[in-house]
PDB file of all heavy atoms in Angstrom:
ATOM      1  N   LEU A   1     108.141   9.599-159.950  1.00  0.00           N
ATOM      2  CA  LEU A   1     107.886  10.646-160.936  1.00  0.00           C
ATOM      3  C   LEU A   1     108.570  10.256-162.235  1.00  0.00           C
ATOM      4  O   LEU A   1     109.779   9.994-162.252  1.00  0.00           O
ATOM      5  CB  LEU A   1     108.433  11.998-160.470  1.00  0.00           C
ATOM      6  CG  LEU A   1     108.365  13.128-161.523  1.00  0.00           C
ATOM      7  CD1 LEU A   1     106.920  13.478-161.861  1.00  0.00           C
ATOM      8  CD2 LEU A   1     109.132  14.366-161.060  1.00  0.00           C
ATOM      9  N   VAL A   2     107.795  10.186-163.318  1.00  0.00           N
ATOM     10  CA  VAL A   2     108.349   9.964-164.647  1.00  0.00           C
ATOM     11  C   VAL A   2     108.289  11.293-165.391  1.00  0.00           C
ATOM     12  O   VAL A   2     107.208  11.820-165.649  1.00  0.00           O
ATOM     13  CB  VAL A   2     107.571   8.877-165.415  1.00  0.00           C
ATOM     14  CG1 VAL A   2     108.139   8.722-166.826  1.00  0.00           C
ATOM     15  CG2 VAL A   2     107.630   7.552-164.672  1.00  0.00           C
ATOM     16  N   ALA A   3     109.442  11.839-165.715  1.00  0.00           N
ATOM     17  CA  ALA A   3     109.529  13.120-166.403  1.00  0.00           C
ATOM     18  C   ALA A   3     109.668  12.877-167.900  1.00  0.00           C
ATOM     19  O   ALA A   3     110.727  12.467-168.372  1.00  0.00           O
ATOM     20  CB  ALA A   3     110.709  13.930-165.877  1.00  0.00           C
ATOM     21  N   GLY A   4     108.582  13.095-168.623  1.00  0.00           N
ATOM     22  CA  GLY A   4     108.572  12.866-170.061  1.00  0.00           C
ATOM     23  C   GLY A   4     107.665  11.701-170.417  1.00  0.00           C
ATOM     24  O   GLY A   4     107.790  10.614-169.841  1.00  0.00           O
ATOM     25  N   ALA A   5     106.729  11.933-171.347  1.00  0.00           N
ATOM     26  CA  ALA A   5     105.756  10.898-171.719  1.00  0.00           C
ATOM     27  C   ALA A   5     105.832  10.579-173.203  1.00  0.00           C
ATOM     28  O   ALA A   5     104.829  10.227-173.815  1.00  0.00           O
ATOM     29  CB  ALA A   5     104.343  11.346-171.345  1.00  0.00           C
ATOM     30  N   GLY A   6     107.023  10.699-173.768  1.00  0.00           N
ATOM     31  CA  GLY A   6     107.216  10.342-175.172  1.00  0.00           C
ATOM     32  C   GLY A   6     107.531   8.860-175.310  1.00  0.00           C
ATOM     33  O   GLY A   6     107.019   8.030-174.564  1.00  0.00           O
ATOM     34  N   ALA A   7     108.384   8.519-176.269  1.00  0.00           N
ATOM     35  CA  ALA A   7     108.697   7.123-176.532  1.00  0.00           C
ATOM     36  C   ALA A   7     109.289   6.432-175.306  1.00  0.00           C
ATOM     37  O   ALA A   7     108.849   5.350-174.916  1.00  0.00           O
ATOM     38  CB  ALA A   7     109.663   7.027-177.710  1.00  0.00           C
ATOM     39  N   LEU A   8     110.267   7.057-174.688  1.00  0.00           N
ATOM     40  CA  LEU A   8     110.902   6.473-173.511  1.00  0.00           C
ATOM     41  C   LEU A   8     109.930   6.430-172.341  1.00  0.00           C
ATOM     42  O   LEU A   8     109.852   5.431-171.610  1.00  0.00           O
ATOM     43  CB  LEU A   8     112.152   7.282-173.152  1.00  0.00           C
ATOM     44  CG  LEU A   8     113.238   6.593-172.324  1.00  0.00           C
ATOM     45  CD1 LEU A   8     113.656   5.276-172.932  1.00  0.00           C
ATOM     46  CD2 LEU A   8     114.436   7.525-172.173  1.00  0.00           C
ATOM     47  N   GLY A   9     109.166   7.502-172.164  1.00  0.00           N
ATOM     48  CA  GLY A   9     108.196   7.541-171.073  1.00  0.00           C
ATOM     49  C   GLY A   9     107.130   6.477-171.193  1.00  0.00           C
ATOM     50  O   GLY A   9     106.714   5.868-170.196  1.00  0.00           O
ATOM     51  N   ASN A  10     106.661   6.206-172.419  1.00  0.00           N
ATOM     52  CA  ASN A  10     105.683   5.143-172.646  1.00  0.00           C
ATOM     53  C   ASN A  10     106.217   3.799-172.145  1.00  0.00           C
ATOM     54  O   ASN A  10     105.539   3.083-171.403  1.00  0.00           O
ATOM     55  CB  ASN A  10     105.367   5.020-174.138  1.00  0.00           C
ATOM     56  CG  ASN A  10     104.189   5.857-174.591  1.00  0.00           C
ATOM     57  OD1 ASN A  10     103.138   5.327-174.940  1.00  0.00           O
ATOM     58  ND2 ASN A  10     104.350   7.175-174.578  1.00  0.00           N
ATOM     59  N   GLU A  11     107.425   3.470-172.563  1.00  0.00           N
ATOM     60  CA  GLU A  11     108.005   2.180-172.192  1.00  0.00           C
ATOM     61  C   GLU A  11     108.304   2.103-170.701  1.00  0.00           C
ATOM     62  O   GLU A  11     108.100   1.063-170.064  1.00  0.00           O
ATOM     63  CB  GLU A  11     109.275   1.924-172.997  1.00  0.00           C
ATOM     64  CG  GLU A  11     109.033   1.542-174.435  1.00  0.00           C
ATOM     65  CD  GLU A  11     108.356   0.188-174.566  1.00  0.00           C
ATOM     66  OE1 GLU A  11     108.754  -0.764-173.867  1.00  0.00           O
ATOM     67  OE2 GLU A  11     107.416   0.079-175.369  1.00  0.00           O
ATOM     68  N   VAL A  12     108.797   3.195-170.131  1.00  0.00           N
ATOM     69  CA  VAL A  12     109.117   3.201-168.707  1.00  0.00           C
ATOM     70  C   VAL A  12     107.854   3.004-167.871  1.00  0.00           C
ATOM     71  O   VAL A  12     107.827   2.175-166.941  1.00  0.00           O
ATOM     72  CB  VAL A  12     109.827   4.517-168.314  1.00  0.00           C
ATOM     73  CG1 VAL A  12     109.756   4.745-166.802  1.00  0.00           C
ATOM     74  CG2 VAL A  12     111.286   4.477-168.756  1.00  0.00           C
ATOM     75  N   VAL A  13     106.789   3.727-168.183  1.00  0.00           N
ATOM     76  CA  VAL A  13     105.551   3.599-167.402  1.00  0.00           C
ATOM     77  C   VAL A  13     104.966   2.201-167.551  1.00  0.00           C
ATOM     78  O   VAL A  13     104.494   1.597-166.584  1.00  0.00           O
ATOM     79  CB  VAL A  13     104.535   4.678-167.816  1.00  0.00           C
ATOM     80  CG1 VAL A  13     103.189   4.445-167.125  1.00  0.00           C
ATOM     81  CG2 VAL A  13     105.054   6.070-167.447  1.00  0.00           C
ATOM     82  N   LYS A  14     104.990   1.669-168.760  1.00  0.00           N
ATOM     83  CA  LYS A  14     104.514   0.291-168.965  1.00  0.00           C
ATOM     84  C   LYS A  14     105.267  -0.679-168.079  1.00  0.00           C
ATOM     85  O   LYS A  14     104.681  -1.518-167.388  1.00  0.00           O
ATOM     86  CB  LYS A  14     104.654  -0.083-170.444  1.00  0.00           C
ATOM     87  CG  LYS A  14     104.204  -1.501-170.779  1.00  0.00           C
ATOM     88  CD  LYS A  14     105.376  -2.468-170.877  1.00  0.00           C
ATOM     89  CE  LYS A  14     106.218  -2.208-172.112  1.00  0.00           C
ATOM     90  NZ  LYS A  14     107.327  -3.202-172.253  1.00  0.00           N
ATOM     91  N   ASN A  15     106.604  -0.580-168.076  1.00  0.00           N
ATOM     92  CA  ASN A  15     107.420  -1.488-167.277  1.00  0.00           C
ATOM     93  C   ASN A  15     107.197  -1.284-165.780  1.00  0.00           C
ATOM     94  O   ASN A  15     107.197  -2.250-165.008  1.00  0.00           O
ATOM     95  CB  ASN A  15     108.895  -1.298-167.608  1.00  0.00           C
ATOM     96  CG  ASN A  15     109.256  -1.820-168.983  1.00  0.00           C
ATOM     97  OD1 ASN A  15     108.546  -2.622-169.561  1.00  0.00           O
ATOM     98  ND2 ASN A  15     110.378  -1.347-169.520  1.00  0.00           N
ATOM     99  N   LEU A  16     107.022  -0.031-165.366  1.00  0.00           N
ATOM    100  CA  LEU A  16     106.775   0.246-163.945  1.00  0.00           C
ATOM    101  C   LEU A  16     105.495  -0.421-163.471  1.00  0.00           C
ATOM    102  O   LEU A  16     105.470  -1.100-162.438  1.00  0.00           O
ATOM    103  CB  LEU A  16     106.684   1.756-163.705  1.00  0.00           C
ATOM    104  CG  LEU A  16     107.978   2.555-163.764  1.00  0.00           C
ATOM    105  CD1 LEU A  16     107.672   4.051-163.707  1.00  0.00           C
ATOM    106  CD2 LEU A  16     108.927   2.174-162.622  1.00  0.00           C
ATOM    107  N   VAL A  17     104.416  -0.239-164.231  1.00  0.00           N
ATOM    108  CA  VAL A  17     103.124  -0.797-163.829  1.00  0.00           C
ATOM    109  C   VAL A  17     103.177  -2.319-163.813  1.00  0.00           C
ATOM    110  O   VAL A  17     102.727  -2.962-162.851  1.00  0.00           O
ATOM    111  CB  VAL A  17     101.999  -0.297-164.754  1.00  0.00           C
ATOM    112  CG1 VAL A  17     100.687  -1.016-164.439  1.00  0.00           C
ATOM    113  CG2 VAL A  17     101.806   1.206-164.603  1.00  0.00           C
ATOM    114  N   LEU A  18     103.743  -2.924-164.850  1.00  0.00           N
ATOM    115  CA  LEU A  18     103.815  -4.377-164.896  1.00  0.00           C
ATOM    116  C   LEU A  18     104.728  -4.933-163.809  1.00  0.00           C
ATOM    117  O   LEU A  18     104.541  -6.081-163.369  1.00  0.00           O
ATOM    118  CB  LEU A  18     104.302  -4.836-166.274  1.00  0.00           C
ATOM    119  CG  LEU A  18     103.354  -4.570-167.444  1.00  0.00           C
ATOM    120  CD1 LEU A  18     103.962  -5.086-168.745  1.00  0.00           C
ATOM    121  CD2 LEU A  18     101.990  -5.223-167.216  1.00  0.00           C
ATOM    122  N   SER A  19     105.686  -4.141-163.342  1.00  0.00           N
ATOM    123  CA  SER A  19     106.600  -4.582-162.284  1.00  0.00           C
ATOM    124  C   SER A  19     106.004  -4.437-160.895  1.00  0.00           C
ATOM    125  O   SER A  19     106.594  -4.911-159.918  1.00  0.00           O
ATOM    126  CB  SER A  19     107.916  -3.798-162.350  1.00  0.00           C
ATOM    127  OG  SER A  19     108.578  -4.025-163.575  1.00  0.00           O
ATOM    128  N   GLY A  20     104.872  -3.748-160.786  1.00  0.00           N
ATOM    129  CA  GLY A  20     104.202  -3.634-159.497  1.00  0.00           C
ATOM    130  C   GLY A  20     104.200  -2.254-158.873  1.00  0.00           C
ATOM    131  O   GLY A  20     103.633  -2.067-157.792  1.00  0.00           O
ATOM    132  N   PHE A  21     104.820  -1.276-159.521  1.00  0.00           N
ATOM    133  CA  PHE A  21     104.774   0.090-158.983  1.00  0.00           C
ATOM    134  C   PHE A  21     103.346   0.617-159.100  1.00  0.00           C
ATOM    135  O   PHE A  21     102.718   0.494-160.157  1.00  0.00           O
ATOM    136  CB  PHE A  21     105.751   0.991-159.738  1.00  0.00           C
ATOM    137  CG  PHE A  21     107.189   0.696-159.431  1.00  0.00           C
ATOM    138  CD1 PHE A  21     107.920  -0.172-160.237  1.00  0.00           C
ATOM    139  CD2 PHE A  21     107.814   1.275-158.336  1.00  0.00           C
ATOM    140  CE1 PHE A  21     109.252  -0.466-159.948  1.00  0.00           C
ATOM    141  CE2 PHE A  21     109.143   0.997-158.053  1.00  0.00           C
ATOM    142  CZ  PHE A  21     109.869   0.123-158.853  1.00  0.00           C
ATOM    143  N   ARG A  22     102.861   1.222-158.022  1.00  0.00           N
ATOM    144  CA  ARG A  22     101.450   1.590-157.959  1.00  0.00           C
ATOM    145  C   ARG A  22     101.202   3.090-157.883  1.00  0.00           C
ATOM    146  O   ARG A  22     100.064   3.532-158.064  1.00  0.00           O
ATOM    147  CB  ARG A  22     100.813   0.919-156.742  1.00  0.00           C
ATOM    148  CG  ARG A  22     100.808  -0.601-156.837  1.00  0.00           C
ATOM    149  CD  ARG A  22     100.256  -1.239-155.589  1.00  0.00           C
ATOM    150  NE  ARG A  22     100.091  -2.691-155.757  1.00  0.00           N
ATOM    151  CZ  ARG A  22      99.656  -3.514-154.811  1.00  0.00           C
ATOM    152  NH1 ARG A  22      99.343  -3.024-153.620  1.00  0.00           N
ATOM    153  NH2 ARG A  22      99.527  -4.802-155.053  1.00  0.00           N
ATOM    154  N   HIS A  23     102.224   3.861-157.589  1.00  0.00           N
ATOM    155  CA  HIS A  23     102.054   5.303-157.398  1.00  0.00           C
ATOM    156  C   HIS A  23     102.991   6.032-158.359  1.00  0.00           C
ATOM    157  O   HIS A  23     104.178   6.185-158.085  1.00  0.00           O
ATOM    158  CB  HIS A  23     102.354   5.686-155.952  1.00  0.00           C
ATOM    159  CG  HIS A  23     101.640   4.836-154.947  1.00  0.00           C
ATOM    160  ND1 HIS A  23     100.295   4.967-154.688  1.00  0.00           N
ATOM    161  CD2 HIS A  23     102.083   3.816-154.161  1.00  0.00           C
ATOM    162  CE1 HIS A  23      99.936   4.081-153.774  1.00  0.00           C
ATOM    163  NE2 HIS A  23     101.006   3.365-153.440  1.00  0.00           N
ATOM    164  N   ILE A  24     102.452   6.453-159.491  1.00  0.00           N
ATOM    165  CA  ILE A  24     103.274   7.014-160.571  1.00  0.00           C
ATOM    166  C   ILE A  24     102.671   8.320-161.053  1.00  0.00           C
ATOM    167  O   ILE A  24     101.492   8.365-161.426  1.00  0.00           O
ATOM    168  CB  ILE A  24     103.359   6.028-161.757  1.00  0.00           C
ATOM    169  CG1 ILE A  24     103.860   4.654-161.300  1.00  0.00           C
ATOM    170  CG2 ILE A  24     104.251   6.597-162.858  1.00  0.00           C
ATOM    171  CD1 ILE A  24     103.666   3.556-162.326  1.00  0.00           C
ATOM    172  N   ASP A  25     103.449   9.389-161.032  1.00  0.00           N
ATOM    173  CA  ASP A  25     103.075  10.654-161.665  1.00  0.00           C
ATOM    174  C   ASP A  25     103.848  10.776-162.973  1.00  0.00           C
ATOM    175  O   ASP A  25     105.051  10.485-163.011  1.00  0.00           O
ATOM    176  CB  ASP A  25     103.413  11.847-160.770  1.00  0.00           C
ATOM    177  CG  ASP A  25     102.487  11.972-159.567  1.00  0.00           C
ATOM    178  OD1 ASP A  25     101.529  11.185-159.472  1.00  0.00           O
ATOM    179  OD2 ASP A  25     102.740  12.838-158.704  1.00  0.00           O
ATOM    180  N   VAL A  26     103.167  11.225-164.022  1.00  0.00           N
ATOM    181  CA  VAL A  26     103.798  11.403-165.330  1.00  0.00           C
ATOM    182  C   VAL A  26     103.630  12.855-165.747  1.00  0.00           C
ATOM    183  O   VAL A  26     102.494  13.351-165.848  1.00  0.00           O
ATOM    184  CB  VAL A  26     103.167  10.496-166.402  1.00  0.00           C
ATOM    185  CG1 VAL A  26     103.905  10.645-167.724  1.00  0.00           C
ATOM    186  CG2 VAL A  26     103.162   9.047-165.952  1.00  0.00           C
ATOM    187  N   VAL A  27     104.738  13.547-165.995  1.00  0.00           N
ATOM    188  CA  VAL A  27     104.666  14.955-166.389  1.00  0.00           C
ATOM    189  C   VAL A  27     105.179  15.132-167.813  1.00  0.00           C
ATOM    190  O   VAL A  27     106.217  14.585-168.190  1.00  0.00           O
ATOM    191  CB  VAL A  27     105.460  15.858-165.408  1.00  0.00           C
ATOM    192  CG1 VAL A  27     106.930  15.438-165.325  1.00  0.00           C
ATOM    193  CG2 VAL A  27     105.348  17.319-165.800  1.00  0.00           C
TER     194      VAL A  27
END
């Protein structure tokens, strides 16, 4: 679960996906 989709959330989700995480909820 990524809480927050602003500047930090953008970078975190990008890094998660590129690192191989496949199941991500963004609120």
